[in-house]
Amino acid sequence: MENLLIIFFRTLLLYVVIMVIFRLMGKREIGELNVLDLVVFIMIGEMAVVAIENHRDPILNSLLPMAVLLGIQIGLALISLRSSHFRKMIDGKPSIIINKGKIDEKEMRRQRYNFDDLLMQLRTKDIDNIADVEFAILETSGELSVVKKSKKKNKPATYTEPFIVGGQIQKNNLKKSNKTEEWLRRELEKRGYGDIGQISFCSYQDGEFYIDLDDEK
């Protein structure tokens, strides 16, 4: 009977501890978890199971590693907020599966993504005709984002590609949009933004800029 009570209270305690840890790790949907989050979640879950099964061992033996994992996850998350290169290394980057109405079979093979996956995810977006799709982007979470073809003549559908994130110019996105870094700096200076390091987010879509300054600078 005593062992059952110990197991009961350990389970209750670990449940509360894990709930607190997950809250401290931030609000993210399950489908949006990156590799780092997933590894931490799995390891914490395994530690909780071991702590319940080995109820004679001190509970601190399990709580301390959980706290260490929480510290690692929060620390790396803060680094990823500051560094786009680190963020891409952890999360990867989105892949364009359909580009201007054309399926990119090479990118599909690279992502080990087949036509059944593509059609299934298009159906979840209520799209029953692939000919209606201008862009289909496989996000880092595994979800497919879709931009439909524009119904207006002479106006192709577009989607937001950031030119600046966290004060850093996204050269690949500039290249995809046939723009140069010199052009971007010139256009920003015209609008009174001489210091790119102060810009938190900048995008250019349909001939218009969206610029948001970093609140901390």
N, C-alpha and C. Protein backbone atom coordinates (compact mmCIF):
# COMPACT_ATOMS: atom_id res chain seq x y z
N MET A 1 0.83 -1.21 0.00
CA MET A 1 0.00 0.00 0.00
C MET A 1 0.87 1.26 0.00
N GLU A 2 1.94 1.20 0.76
CA GLU A 2 2.85 2.36 0.84
C GLU A 2 3.47 2.65 -0.52
N ASN A 3 3.86 1.57 -1.24
CA ASN A 3 4.45 1.75 -2.57
C ASN A 3 3.46 2.40 -3.53
N LEU A 4 2.19 1.98 -3.42
CA LEU A 4 1.16 2.55 -4.31
C LEU A 4 0.99 4.04 -4.06
N LEU A 5 1.04 4.45 -2.78
CA LEU A 5 0.92 5.87 -2.45
C LEU A 5 2.11 6.66 -2.99
N ILE A 6 3.29 6.08 -2.88
CA ILE A 6 4.49 6.74 -3.39
C ILE A 6 4.38 6.94 -4.90
N ILE A 7 3.95 5.88 -5.60
CA ILE A 7 3.79 5.96 -7.05
C ILE A 7 2.74 7.01 -7.42
N PHE A 8 1.64 7.05 -6.65
CA PHE A 8 0.57 8.01 -6.91
C PHE A 8 1.08 9.45 -6.78
N PHE A 9 1.75 9.75 -5.70
CA PHE A 9 2.23 11.11 -5.46
C PHE A 9 3.37 11.49 -6.41
N ARG A 10 4.20 10.51 -6.77
CA ARG A 10 5.26 10.78 -7.75
C ARG A 10 4.65 11.12 -9.10
N THR A 11 3.64 10.36 -9.49
CA THR A 11 2.97 10.61 -10.77
C THR A 11 2.35 11.99 -10.78
N LEU A 12 1.69 12.34 -9.70
CA LEU A 12 1.05 13.65 -9.59
C LEU A 12 2.09 14.78 -9.65
N LEU A 13 3.18 14.60 -8.91
CA LEU A 13 4.23 15.62 -8.89
C LEU A 13 4.87 15.79 -10.26
N LEU A 14 5.20 14.68 -10.91
CA LEU A 14 5.84 14.75 -12.22
C LEU A 14 4.90 15.33 -13.27
N TYR A 15 3.62 15.05 -13.14
CA TYR A 15 2.63 15.64 -14.06
C TYR A 15 2.67 17.16 -13.95
N VAL A 16 2.67 17.66 -12.73
CA VAL A 16 2.70 19.12 -12.51
C VAL A 16 4.03 19.70 -13.02
N VAL A 17 5.13 19.01 -12.73
CA VAL A 17 6.45 19.49 -13.16
C VAL A 17 6.52 19.57 -14.68
N ILE A 18 6.05 18.52 -15.37
CA ILE A 18 6.11 18.50 -16.83
C ILE A 18 5.21 19.58 -17.43
N MET A 19 4.04 19.80 -16.84
CA MET A 19 3.16 20.87 -17.31
C MET A 19 3.84 22.23 -17.18
N VAL A 20 4.52 22.46 -16.06
CA VAL A 20 5.23 23.73 -15.85
C VAL A 20 6.37 23.88 -16.87
N ILE A 21 7.12 22.79 -17.10
CA ILE A 21 8.22 22.82 -18.05
C ILE A 21 7.73 23.16 -19.46
N PHE A 22 6.65 22.52 -19.88
CA PHE A 22 6.12 22.76 -21.23
C PHE A 22 5.60 24.19 -21.36
N ARG A 23 5.03 24.74 -20.29
CA ARG A 23 4.57 26.13 -20.33
C ARG A 23 5.76 27.08 -20.45
N LEU A 24 6.85 26.77 -19.74
CA LEU A 24 8.04 27.63 -19.80
C LEU A 24 8.73 27.54 -21.16
N MET A 25 8.54 26.44 -21.86
CA MET A 25 9.17 26.27 -23.17
C MET A 25 8.47 27.09 -24.25
N GLY A 26 7.29 27.64 -23.95
CA GLY A 26 6.61 28.50 -24.92
C GLY A 26 5.43 27.81 -25.56
N LYS A 27 4.58 28.63 -26.17
CA LYS A 27 3.35 28.13 -26.80
C LYS A 27 3.62 27.78 -28.26
N ARG A 28 3.59 26.49 -28.55
CA ARG A 28 3.73 26.05 -29.93
C ARG A 28 2.82 24.86 -30.14
N GLU A 29 2.20 24.80 -31.32
CA GLU A 29 1.36 23.66 -31.64
C GLU A 29 2.24 22.43 -31.86
N ILE A 30 1.65 21.25 -31.65
CA ILE A 30 2.41 20.01 -31.80
C ILE A 30 3.03 19.91 -33.19
N GLY A 31 2.27 20.31 -34.22
CA GLY A 31 2.78 20.23 -35.58
C GLY A 31 3.88 21.21 -35.89
N GLU A 32 4.09 22.19 -35.02
CA GLU A 32 5.11 23.20 -35.25
C GLU A 32 6.39 22.94 -34.46
N LEU A 33 6.46 21.83 -33.75
CA LEU A 33 7.65 21.54 -32.96
C LEU A 33 8.85 21.28 -33.87
N ASN A 34 9.99 21.88 -33.52
CA ASN A 34 11.19 21.59 -34.28
C ASN A 34 11.89 20.38 -33.68
N VAL A 35 13.01 19.99 -34.27
CA VAL A 35 13.73 18.79 -33.82
C VAL A 35 14.17 18.95 -32.37
N LEU A 36 14.65 20.14 -32.01
CA LEU A 36 15.10 20.39 -30.65
C LEU A 36 13.98 20.20 -29.64
N ASP A 37 12.81 20.79 -29.91
CA ASP A 37 11.67 20.64 -29.01
C ASP A 37 11.27 19.17 -28.87
N LEU A 38 11.24 18.48 -30.00
CA LEU A 38 10.80 17.08 -30.00
C LEU A 38 11.74 16.21 -29.16
N VAL A 39 13.04 16.41 -29.31
CA VAL A 39 14.02 15.63 -28.54
C VAL A 39 13.85 15.89 -27.05
N VAL A 40 13.68 17.17 -26.67
CA VAL A 40 13.50 17.52 -25.26
C VAL A 40 12.22 16.89 -24.71
N PHE A 41 11.13 16.96 -25.46
CA PHE A 41 9.86 16.38 -25.02
C PHE A 41 9.99 14.88 -24.78
N ILE A 42 10.64 14.19 -25.73
CA ILE A 42 10.79 12.73 -25.61
C ILE A 42 11.64 12.37 -24.40
N MET A 43 12.76 13.10 -24.22
CA MET A 43 13.66 12.79 -23.11
C MET A 43 12.99 13.07 -21.76
N ILE A 44 12.25 14.16 -21.67
CA ILE A 44 11.57 14.47 -20.41
C ILE A 44 10.50 13.42 -20.11
N GLY A 45 9.79 12.99 -21.15
CA GLY A 45 8.78 11.94 -20.97
C GLY A 45 9.40 10.64 -20.48
N GLU A 46 10.55 10.28 -21.07
CA GLU A 46 11.24 9.06 -20.66
C GLU A 46 11.72 9.16 -19.22
N MET A 47 12.24 10.31 -18.83
CA MET A 47 12.70 10.50 -17.46
C MET A 47 11.55 10.37 -16.46
N ALA A 48 10.39 10.89 -16.85
CA ALA A 48 9.23 10.80 -15.96
C ALA A 48 8.81 9.34 -15.76
N VAL A 49 8.83 8.56 -16.84
CA VAL A 49 8.47 7.13 -16.75
C VAL A 49 9.45 6.40 -15.84
N VAL A 50 10.74 6.66 -16.03
CA VAL A 50 11.77 6.00 -15.20
C VAL A 50 11.60 6.38 -13.73
N ALA A 51 11.29 7.67 -13.47
CA ALA A 51 11.12 8.13 -12.08
C ALA A 51 9.93 7.46 -11.41
N ILE A 52 8.88 7.19 -12.18
CA ILE A 52 7.70 6.53 -11.60
C ILE A 52 7.97 5.05 -11.38
N GLU A 53 8.65 4.43 -12.33
CA GLU A 53 8.93 2.99 -12.21
C GLU A 53 9.93 2.72 -11.08
N ASN A 54 10.98 3.54 -11.01
CA ASN A 54 11.99 3.36 -9.97
C ASN A 54 11.66 4.27 -8.78
N HIS A 55 10.56 3.97 -8.15
CA HIS A 55 10.04 4.87 -7.11
C HIS A 55 10.88 4.87 -5.83
N ARG A 56 11.84 3.97 -5.75
CA ARG A 56 12.70 3.96 -4.55
C ARG A 56 13.89 4.93 -4.69
N ASP A 57 14.17 5.34 -5.91
CA ASP A 57 15.27 6.30 -6.13
C ASP A 57 14.81 7.71 -5.75
N PRO A 58 15.73 8.55 -5.29
CA PRO A 58 15.36 9.94 -4.96
C PRO A 58 14.77 10.66 -6.17
N ILE A 59 13.68 11.39 -5.95
CA ILE A 59 12.99 12.10 -7.04
C ILE A 59 13.89 13.16 -7.66
N LEU A 60 14.86 13.66 -6.89
CA LEU A 60 15.77 14.70 -7.40
C LEU A 60 16.61 14.19 -8.55
N ASN A 61 16.86 12.87 -8.57
CA ASN A 61 17.64 12.28 -9.66
C ASN A 61 16.97 12.47 -11.02
N SER A 62 15.65 12.64 -11.02
CA SER A 62 14.92 12.88 -12.27
C SER A 62 14.63 14.36 -12.49
N LEU A 63 14.36 15.09 -11.42
CA LEU A 63 14.02 16.51 -11.55
C LEU A 63 15.20 17.33 -12.03
N LEU A 64 16.41 16.98 -11.57
CA LEU A 64 17.59 17.75 -11.97
C LEU A 64 17.86 17.66 -13.47
N PRO A 65 17.88 16.46 -14.08
CA PRO A 65 18.07 16.39 -15.54
C PRO A 65 16.97 17.11 -16.32
N MET A 66 15.73 17.06 -15.80
CA MET A 66 14.64 17.79 -16.47
C MET A 66 14.91 19.28 -16.48
N ALA A 67 15.39 19.80 -15.34
CA ALA A 67 15.71 21.23 -15.24
C ALA A 67 16.85 21.59 -16.19
N VAL A 68 17.84 20.69 -16.31
CA VAL A 68 18.96 20.94 -17.21
C VAL A 68 18.48 21.00 -18.66
N LEU A 69 17.61 20.06 -19.04
CA LEU A 69 17.05 20.05 -20.40
C LEU A 69 16.24 21.32 -20.67
N LEU A 70 15.47 21.75 -19.68
CA LEU A 70 14.70 22.98 -19.84
C LEU A 70 15.63 24.16 -20.08
N GLY A 71 16.72 24.23 -19.30
CA GLY A 71 17.68 25.32 -19.47
C GLY A 71 18.32 25.30 -20.84
N ILE A 72 18.67 24.11 -21.33
CA ILE A 72 19.27 23.97 -22.66
C ILE A 72 18.29 24.43 -23.73
N GLN A 73 17.02 23.98 -23.62
CA GLN A 73 16.03 24.33 -24.63
C GLN A 73 15.77 25.83 -24.67
N ILE A 74 15.63 26.45 -23.52
CA ILE A 74 15.37 27.90 -23.48
C ILE A 74 16.58 28.66 -24.01
N GLY A 75 17.79 28.23 -23.63
CA GLY A 75 19.01 28.88 -24.11
C GLY A 75 19.15 28.82 -25.62
N LEU A 76 18.92 27.64 -26.20
CA LEU A 76 19.03 27.49 -27.64
C LEU A 76 17.90 28.23 -28.37
N ALA A 77 16.72 28.28 -27.74
CA ALA A 77 15.61 29.03 -28.34
C ALA A 77 15.94 30.51 -28.42
N LEU A 78 16.58 31.04 -27.38
CA LEU A 78 16.98 32.45 -27.38
C LEU A 78 18.04 32.72 -28.45
N ILE A 79 18.96 31.76 -28.63
CA ILE A 79 19.97 31.92 -29.68
C ILE A 79 19.31 31.93 -31.05
N SER A 80 18.32 31.05 -31.25
CA SER A 80 17.65 30.98 -32.55
C SER A 80 16.86 32.24 -32.86
N LEU A 81 16.39 32.94 -31.81
CA LEU A 81 15.70 34.22 -32.03
C LEU A 81 16.67 35.27 -32.56
N ARG A 82 17.92 35.19 -32.13
CA ARG A 82 18.92 36.18 -32.51
C ARG A 82 19.64 35.84 -33.81
N SER A 83 19.72 34.56 -34.14
CA SER A 83 20.51 34.13 -35.29
C SER A 83 19.66 33.35 -36.28
N SER A 84 19.48 33.90 -37.47
CA SER A 84 18.71 33.21 -38.50
C SER A 84 19.46 31.97 -39.00
N HIS A 85 20.81 32.03 -39.01
CA HIS A 85 21.59 30.87 -39.45
C HIS A 85 21.41 29.69 -38.50
N PHE A 86 21.43 29.97 -37.20
CA PHE A 86 21.22 28.90 -36.22
C PHE A 86 19.80 28.36 -36.33
N ARG A 87 18.83 29.26 -36.55
CA ARG A 87 17.43 28.85 -36.68
C ARG A 87 17.24 27.92 -37.87
N LYS A 88 17.89 28.23 -38.99
CA LYS A 88 17.78 27.38 -40.17
C LYS A 88 18.46 26.04 -39.93
N MET A 89 19.55 26.05 -39.15
CA MET A 89 20.25 24.81 -38.85
C MET A 89 19.37 23.87 -38.01
N ILE A 90 18.61 24.46 -37.07
CA ILE A 90 17.74 23.67 -36.20
C ILE A 90 16.43 23.30 -36.90
N ASP A 91 15.78 24.30 -37.50
CA ASP A 91 14.44 24.10 -38.06
C ASP A 91 14.47 23.66 -39.52
N GLY A 92 15.58 23.93 -40.22
CA GLY A 92 15.59 23.74 -41.66
C GLY A 92 14.92 24.94 -42.32
N LYS A 93 14.60 24.83 -43.59
CA LYS A 93 13.93 25.93 -44.28
C LYS A 93 12.81 25.38 -45.15
N PRO A 94 11.79 26.19 -45.44
CA PRO A 94 10.67 25.72 -46.26
C PRO A 94 11.14 25.31 -47.65
N SER A 95 10.39 24.40 -48.25
CA SER A 95 10.70 23.93 -49.60
C SER A 95 9.52 24.22 -50.52
N ILE A 96 9.81 24.80 -51.68
CA ILE A 96 8.75 25.11 -52.65
C ILE A 96 8.50 23.87 -53.50
N ILE A 97 7.32 23.27 -53.32
CA ILE A 97 6.96 22.05 -54.05
C ILE A 97 6.32 22.39 -55.39
N ILE A 98 5.47 23.42 -55.39
CA ILE A 98 4.89 23.92 -56.64
C ILE A 98 5.29 25.38 -56.77
N ASN A 99 5.96 25.71 -57.86
CA ASN A 99 6.47 27.06 -58.08
C ASN A 99 5.88 27.62 -59.37
N LYS A 100 5.03 28.64 -59.22
CA LYS A 100 4.35 29.27 -60.37
C LYS A 100 3.60 28.23 -61.20
N GLY A 101 2.90 27.34 -60.49
CA GLY A 101 2.07 26.34 -61.13
C GLY A 101 2.81 25.10 -61.60
N LYS A 102 4.13 25.07 -61.47
CA LYS A 102 4.93 23.93 -61.94
C LYS A 102 5.43 23.13 -60.76
N ILE A 103 5.20 21.81 -60.79
CA ILE A 103 5.65 20.93 -59.71
C ILE A 103 7.17 20.73 -59.81
N ASP A 104 7.85 20.88 -58.70
CA ASP A 104 9.30 20.69 -58.64
C ASP A 104 9.59 19.28 -58.14
N GLU A 105 9.70 18.35 -59.11
CA GLU A 105 9.91 16.94 -58.75
C GLU A 105 11.26 16.73 -58.06
N LYS A 106 12.26 17.52 -58.44
CA LYS A 106 13.58 17.39 -57.83
C LYS A 106 13.52 17.71 -56.34
N GLU A 107 12.80 18.79 -55.99
CA GLU A 107 12.67 19.16 -54.58
C GLU A 107 11.84 18.13 -53.83
N MET A 108 10.84 17.55 -54.49
CA MET A 108 10.04 16.51 -53.86
C MET A 108 10.90 15.30 -53.51
N ARG A 109 11.77 14.92 -54.42
CA ARG A 109 12.66 13.78 -54.16
C ARG A 109 13.63 14.11 -53.02
N ARG A 110 14.11 15.34 -53.00
CA ARG A 110 15.04 15.76 -51.95
C ARG A 110 14.38 15.69 -50.58
N GLN A 111 13.09 16.00 -50.51
CA GLN A 111 12.37 15.99 -49.24
C GLN A 111 11.68 14.65 -48.97
N ARG A 112 11.90 13.67 -49.90
CA ARG A 112 11.23 12.36 -49.78
C ARG A 112 9.72 12.54 -49.64
N TYR A 113 9.20 13.34 -50.53
CA TYR A 113 7.78 13.75 -50.51
C TYR A 113 7.17 13.29 -51.83
N ASN A 114 6.12 12.47 -51.77
CA ASN A 114 5.56 11.90 -52.99
C ASN A 114 4.25 12.57 -53.39
N PHE A 115 3.74 12.17 -54.55
CA PHE A 115 2.52 12.80 -55.06
C PHE A 115 1.30 12.48 -54.21
N ASP A 116 1.29 11.31 -53.57
CA ASP A 116 0.18 10.99 -52.68
C ASP A 116 0.16 11.96 -51.50
N ASP A 117 1.35 12.28 -50.95
CA ASP A 117 1.43 13.26 -49.87
C ASP A 117 0.93 14.62 -50.35
N LEU A 118 1.35 15.01 -51.53
CA LEU A 118 0.97 16.32 -52.08
C LEU A 118 -0.54 16.42 -52.25
N LEU A 119 -1.14 15.42 -52.89
CA LEU A 119 -2.57 15.47 -53.15
C LEU A 119 -3.38 15.39 -51.86
N MET A 120 -2.90 14.58 -50.91
CA MET A 120 -3.60 14.47 -49.63
C MET A 120 -3.61 15.81 -48.91
N GLN A 121 -2.45 16.49 -48.88
CA GLN A 121 -2.40 17.75 -48.16
C GLN A 121 -3.15 18.86 -48.90
N LEU A 122 -3.21 18.78 -50.22
CA LEU A 122 -4.02 19.75 -50.96
C LEU A 122 -5.49 19.56 -50.65
N ARG A 123 -5.91 18.31 -50.50
CA ARG A 123 -7.32 18.06 -50.16
C ARG A 123 -7.67 18.62 -48.79
N THR A 124 -6.72 18.57 -47.86
CA THR A 124 -6.99 19.14 -46.53
C THR A 124 -7.15 20.66 -46.60
N LYS A 125 -6.66 21.27 -47.69
CA LYS A 125 -6.83 22.72 -47.91
C LYS A 125 -8.04 23.01 -48.80
N ASP A 126 -8.89 21.99 -49.01
CA ASP A 126 -10.09 22.11 -49.85
C ASP A 126 -9.73 22.47 -51.29
N ILE A 127 -8.62 21.93 -51.77
CA ILE A 127 -8.23 22.14 -53.16
C ILE A 127 -8.30 20.80 -53.87
N ASP A 128 -9.22 20.68 -54.83
CA ASP A 128 -9.40 19.40 -55.52
C ASP A 128 -8.80 19.42 -56.92
N ASN A 129 -8.27 20.57 -57.33
CA ASN A 129 -7.65 20.67 -58.65
C ASN A 129 -6.27 21.31 -58.51
N ILE A 130 -5.24 20.53 -58.79
CA ILE A 130 -3.88 21.03 -58.62
C ILE A 130 -3.58 22.18 -59.57
N ALA A 131 -4.37 22.30 -60.63
CA ALA A 131 -4.18 23.39 -61.59
C ALA A 131 -4.52 24.75 -60.99
N ASP A 132 -5.21 24.76 -59.85
CA ASP A 132 -5.57 26.02 -59.19
C ASP A 132 -4.45 26.57 -58.31
N VAL A 133 -3.35 25.80 -58.18
CA VAL A 133 -2.29 26.16 -57.25
C VAL A 133 -1.18 26.92 -57.95
N GLU A 134 -0.84 28.09 -57.43
CA GLU A 134 0.29 28.86 -57.93
C GLU A 134 1.57 28.48 -57.19
N PHE A 135 1.47 28.42 -55.85
CA PHE A 135 2.60 28.02 -55.02
C PHE A 135 2.13 27.03 -53.96
N ALA A 136 2.94 26.01 -53.70
CA ALA A 136 2.73 25.09 -52.59
C ALA A 136 4.05 24.97 -51.86
N ILE A 137 4.06 25.35 -50.59
CA ILE A 137 5.30 25.42 -49.83
C ILE A 137 5.25 24.44 -48.67
N LEU A 138 6.19 23.52 -48.63
CA LEU A 138 6.29 22.56 -47.54
C LEU A 138 7.05 23.22 -46.40
N GLU A 139 6.33 23.56 -45.33
CA GLU A 139 6.93 24.28 -44.21
C GLU A 139 7.82 23.36 -43.39
N THR A 140 8.61 23.95 -42.52
CA THR A 140 9.53 23.17 -41.68
C THR A 140 8.78 22.26 -40.72
N SER A 141 7.51 22.58 -40.44
CA SER A 141 6.69 21.75 -39.56
C SER A 141 6.12 20.53 -40.28
N GLY A 142 6.27 20.48 -41.62
CA GLY A 142 5.69 19.39 -42.41
C GLY A 142 4.34 19.75 -42.99
N GLU A 143 3.82 20.91 -42.63
CA GLU A 143 2.53 21.34 -43.17
C GLU A 143 2.72 22.00 -44.53
N LEU A 144 1.74 21.82 -45.41
CA LEU A 144 1.79 22.40 -46.74
C LEU A 144 0.99 23.70 -46.77
N SER A 145 1.67 24.79 -47.12
CA SER A 145 1.00 26.08 -47.30
C SER A 145 0.74 26.29 -48.78
N VAL A 146 -0.45 26.79 -49.10
CA VAL A 146 -0.86 26.89 -50.50
C VAL A 146 -1.28 28.32 -50.85
N VAL A 147 -0.80 28.79 -51.99
CA VAL A 147 -1.24 30.06 -52.56
C VAL A 147 -1.93 29.76 -53.87
N LYS A 148 -3.23 30.09 -53.95
CA LYS A 148 -3.98 29.81 -55.17
C LYS A 148 -3.66 30.81 -56.27
N LYS A 149 -3.91 30.40 -57.49
CA LYS A 149 -3.71 31.30 -58.61
C LYS A 149 -4.68 32.47 -58.53
N SER A 150 -4.18 33.64 -58.92
CA SER A 150 -5.00 34.84 -58.87
C SER A 150 -6.09 34.78 -59.93
N LYS A 151 -7.29 35.23 -59.55
CA LYS A 151 -8.40 35.27 -60.51
C LYS A 151 -8.36 36.53 -61.37
N LYS A 152 -7.49 37.48 -60.98
CA LYS A 152 -7.36 38.71 -61.76
C LYS A 152 -6.36 38.50 -62.89
N LYS A 153 -6.72 38.95 -64.06
CA LYS A 153 -5.84 38.81 -65.20
C LYS A 153 -4.62 39.73 -65.05
N ASN A 154 -3.48 39.24 -65.54
CA ASN A 154 -2.23 40.01 -65.53
C ASN A 154 -1.73 40.32 -64.12
N LYS A 155 -2.22 39.59 -63.12
CA LYS A 155 -1.73 39.79 -61.76
C LYS A 155 -1.48 38.42 -61.13
N PRO A 156 -0.25 37.92 -61.24
CA PRO A 156 0.05 36.59 -60.69
C PRO A 156 -0.02 36.59 -59.17
N ALA A 157 -0.36 35.43 -58.62
CA ALA A 157 -0.41 35.29 -57.16
C ALA A 157 1.01 35.33 -56.60
N THR A 158 1.15 35.91 -55.41
CA THR A 158 2.46 36.00 -54.76
C THR A 158 2.33 35.61 -53.29
N TYR A 159 3.45 35.46 -52.63
CA TYR A 159 3.46 35.20 -51.20
C TYR A 159 4.63 35.95 -50.58
N THR A 160 4.54 36.18 -49.27
CA THR A 160 5.54 37.00 -48.59
C THR A 160 6.87 36.28 -48.45
N GLU A 161 7.92 36.91 -48.94
CA GLU A 161 9.29 36.43 -48.73
C GLU A 161 10.03 37.52 -47.98
N PRO A 162 10.46 37.30 -46.76
CA PRO A 162 11.16 38.35 -46.01
C PRO A 162 12.51 38.69 -46.61
N PHE A 163 12.79 39.99 -46.71
CA PHE A 163 14.09 40.44 -47.18
C PHE A 163 15.03 40.71 -46.00
N ILE A 164 14.45 41.05 -44.85
CA ILE A 164 15.24 41.27 -43.64
C ILE A 164 14.55 40.59 -42.47
N VAL A 165 15.29 39.83 -41.69
CA VAL A 165 14.77 39.21 -40.47
C VAL A 165 15.79 39.43 -39.36
N GLY A 166 15.37 40.07 -38.29
CA GLY A 166 16.26 40.31 -37.16
C GLY A 166 17.49 41.13 -37.52
N GLY A 167 17.32 42.09 -38.42
CA GLY A 167 18.42 42.95 -38.80
C GLY A 167 19.39 42.35 -39.80
N GLN A 168 19.07 41.16 -40.32
CA GLN A 168 19.96 40.47 -41.26
C GLN A 168 19.28 40.33 -42.62
N ILE A 169 19.98 40.71 -43.66
CA ILE A 169 19.44 40.62 -45.02
C ILE A 169 19.39 39.15 -45.47
N GLN A 170 18.25 38.75 -46.00
CA GLN A 170 18.06 37.38 -46.48
C GLN A 170 18.42 37.34 -47.97
N LYS A 171 19.68 37.07 -48.25
CA LYS A 171 20.19 37.18 -49.62
C LYS A 171 19.52 36.19 -50.57
N ASN A 172 19.20 35.00 -50.09
CA ASN A 172 18.55 34.01 -50.96
C ASN A 172 17.18 34.49 -51.43
N ASN A 173 16.44 35.13 -50.52
CA ASN A 173 15.12 35.64 -50.89
C ASN A 173 15.23 36.80 -51.87
N LEU A 174 16.25 37.64 -51.70
CA LEU A 174 16.48 38.72 -52.66
C LEU A 174 16.77 38.15 -54.04
N LYS A 175 17.59 37.13 -54.07
CA LYS A 175 17.95 36.52 -55.35
C LYS A 175 16.73 35.91 -56.03
N LYS A 176 15.88 35.22 -55.24
CA LYS A 176 14.67 34.62 -55.82
C LYS A 176 13.73 35.66 -56.38
N SER A 177 13.76 36.86 -55.81
CA SER A 177 12.88 37.95 -56.27
C SER A 177 13.56 38.83 -57.31
N ASN A 178 14.75 38.42 -57.76
CA ASN A 178 15.52 39.19 -58.76
C ASN A 178 15.82 40.60 -58.27
N LYS A 179 16.14 40.71 -56.98
CA LYS A 179 16.52 42.00 -56.39
C LYS A 179 17.93 41.89 -55.84
N THR A 180 18.57 43.04 -55.68
CA THR A 180 19.94 43.06 -55.16
C THR A 180 19.97 43.74 -53.79
N GLU A 181 21.06 43.51 -53.06
CA GLU A 181 21.22 44.14 -51.76
C GLU A 181 21.33 45.65 -51.91
N GLU A 182 21.98 46.09 -52.98
CA GLU A 182 22.11 47.53 -53.22
C GLU A 182 20.74 48.17 -53.44
N TRP A 183 19.90 47.48 -54.21
CA TRP A 183 18.54 47.99 -54.45
C TRP A 183 17.77 48.10 -53.15
N LEU A 184 17.88 47.07 -52.30
CA LEU A 184 17.16 47.07 -51.04
C LEU A 184 17.61 48.22 -50.14
N ARG A 185 18.92 48.39 -50.00
CA ARG A 185 19.44 49.47 -49.16
C ARG A 185 18.99 50.84 -49.69
N ARG A 186 19.01 50.99 -51.00
CA ARG A 186 18.61 52.26 -51.61
C ARG A 186 17.13 52.56 -51.34
N GLU A 187 16.29 51.55 -51.50
CA GLU A 187 14.85 51.74 -51.28
C GLU A 187 14.55 52.03 -49.81
N LEU A 188 15.27 51.39 -48.91
CA LEU A 188 15.05 51.62 -47.48
C LEU A 188 15.51 53.02 -47.07
N GLU A 189 16.63 53.46 -47.64
CA GLU A 189 17.12 54.81 -47.33
C GLU A 189 16.13 55.87 -47.80
N LYS A 190 15.48 55.62 -48.93
CA LYS A 190 14.46 56.55 -49.42
C LYS A 190 13.32 56.70 -48.42
N ARG A 191 13.07 55.63 -47.68
CA ARG A 191 11.96 55.62 -46.72
C ARG A 191 12.42 55.98 -45.31
N GLY A 192 13.68 56.38 -45.18
CA GLY A 192 14.18 56.83 -43.89
C GLY A 192 14.74 55.75 -43.00
N TYR A 193 15.06 54.57 -43.58
CA TYR A 193 15.61 53.47 -42.79
C TYR A 193 17.07 53.25 -43.21
N GLY A 194 17.96 54.01 -42.59
CA GLY A 194 19.37 53.90 -42.94
C GLY A 194 20.09 52.78 -42.24
N ASP A 195 19.61 52.39 -41.06
CA ASP A 195 20.26 51.34 -40.27
C ASP A 195 19.45 50.06 -40.36
N ILE A 196 19.93 49.11 -41.15
CA ILE A 196 19.22 47.85 -41.34
C ILE A 196 19.17 47.04 -40.05
N GLY A 197 20.17 47.24 -39.19
CA GLY A 197 20.20 46.50 -37.93
C GLY A 197 19.02 46.80 -37.02
N GLN A 198 18.33 47.92 -37.25
CA GLN A 198 17.18 48.28 -36.43
C GLN A 198 15.88 47.66 -36.94
N ILE A 199 15.94 47.04 -38.11
CA ILE A 199 14.73 46.49 -38.71
C ILE A 199 14.53 45.05 -38.25
N SER A 200 13.40 44.79 -37.62
CA SER A 200 13.09 43.44 -37.16
C SER A 200 12.60 42.56 -38.30
N PHE A 201 11.77 43.15 -39.17
CA PHE A 201 11.20 42.37 -40.29
C PHE A 201 10.91 43.30 -41.45
N CYS A 202 11.28 42.86 -42.63
CA CYS A 202 11.00 43.65 -43.84
C CYS A 202 10.66 42.69 -44.97
N SER A 203 9.55 42.95 -45.63
CA SER A 203 9.17 42.14 -46.80
C SER A 203 8.74 43.07 -47.92
N TYR A 204 8.72 42.55 -49.14
CA TYR A 204 8.34 43.32 -50.32
C TYR A 204 7.42 42.44 -51.15
N GLN A 205 6.19 42.88 -51.30
CA GLN A 205 5.19 42.06 -52.00
C GLN A 205 4.24 42.97 -52.77
N ASP A 206 4.00 42.61 -54.02
CA ASP A 206 3.10 43.37 -54.89
C ASP A 206 3.48 44.85 -54.96
N GLY A 207 4.80 45.10 -54.96
CA GLY A 207 5.28 46.47 -55.11
C GLY A 207 5.25 47.31 -53.85
N GLU A 208 4.95 46.70 -52.71
CA GLU A 208 4.87 47.45 -51.46
C GLU A 208 5.76 46.83 -50.38
N PHE A 209 6.39 47.70 -49.59
CA PHE A 209 7.21 47.26 -48.47
C PHE A 209 6.38 47.15 -47.20
N TYR A 210 6.71 46.15 -46.40
CA TYR A 210 6.22 46.10 -45.02
C TYR A 210 7.46 46.10 -44.14
N ILE A 211 7.55 47.10 -43.25
CA ILE A 211 8.74 47.26 -42.42
C ILE A 211 8.33 47.37 -40.96
N ASP A 212 8.96 46.56 -40.12
CA ASP A 212 8.70 46.60 -38.68
C ASP A 212 10.04 46.75 -37.95
N LEU A 213 10.11 47.76 -37.09
CA LEU A 213 11.35 48.02 -36.36
C LEU A 213 11.42 47.17 -35.09
N ASP A 214 12.64 46.87 -34.68
CA ASP A 214 12.87 46.12 -33.45
C ASP A 214 12.53 47.01 -32.26
N ASP A 215 11.63 46.55 -31.40
CA ASP A 215 11.19 47.34 -30.24
C ASP A 215 12.31 47.59 -29.24
N GLU A 216 13.33 46.72 -29.24
CA GLU A 216 14.39 46.83 -28.25
C GLU A 216 15.51 47.76 -28.68
N LYS A 217 15.42 48.29 -29.91
CA LYS A 217 16.52 49.13 -30.41
C LYS A 217 16.02 50.55 -30.66
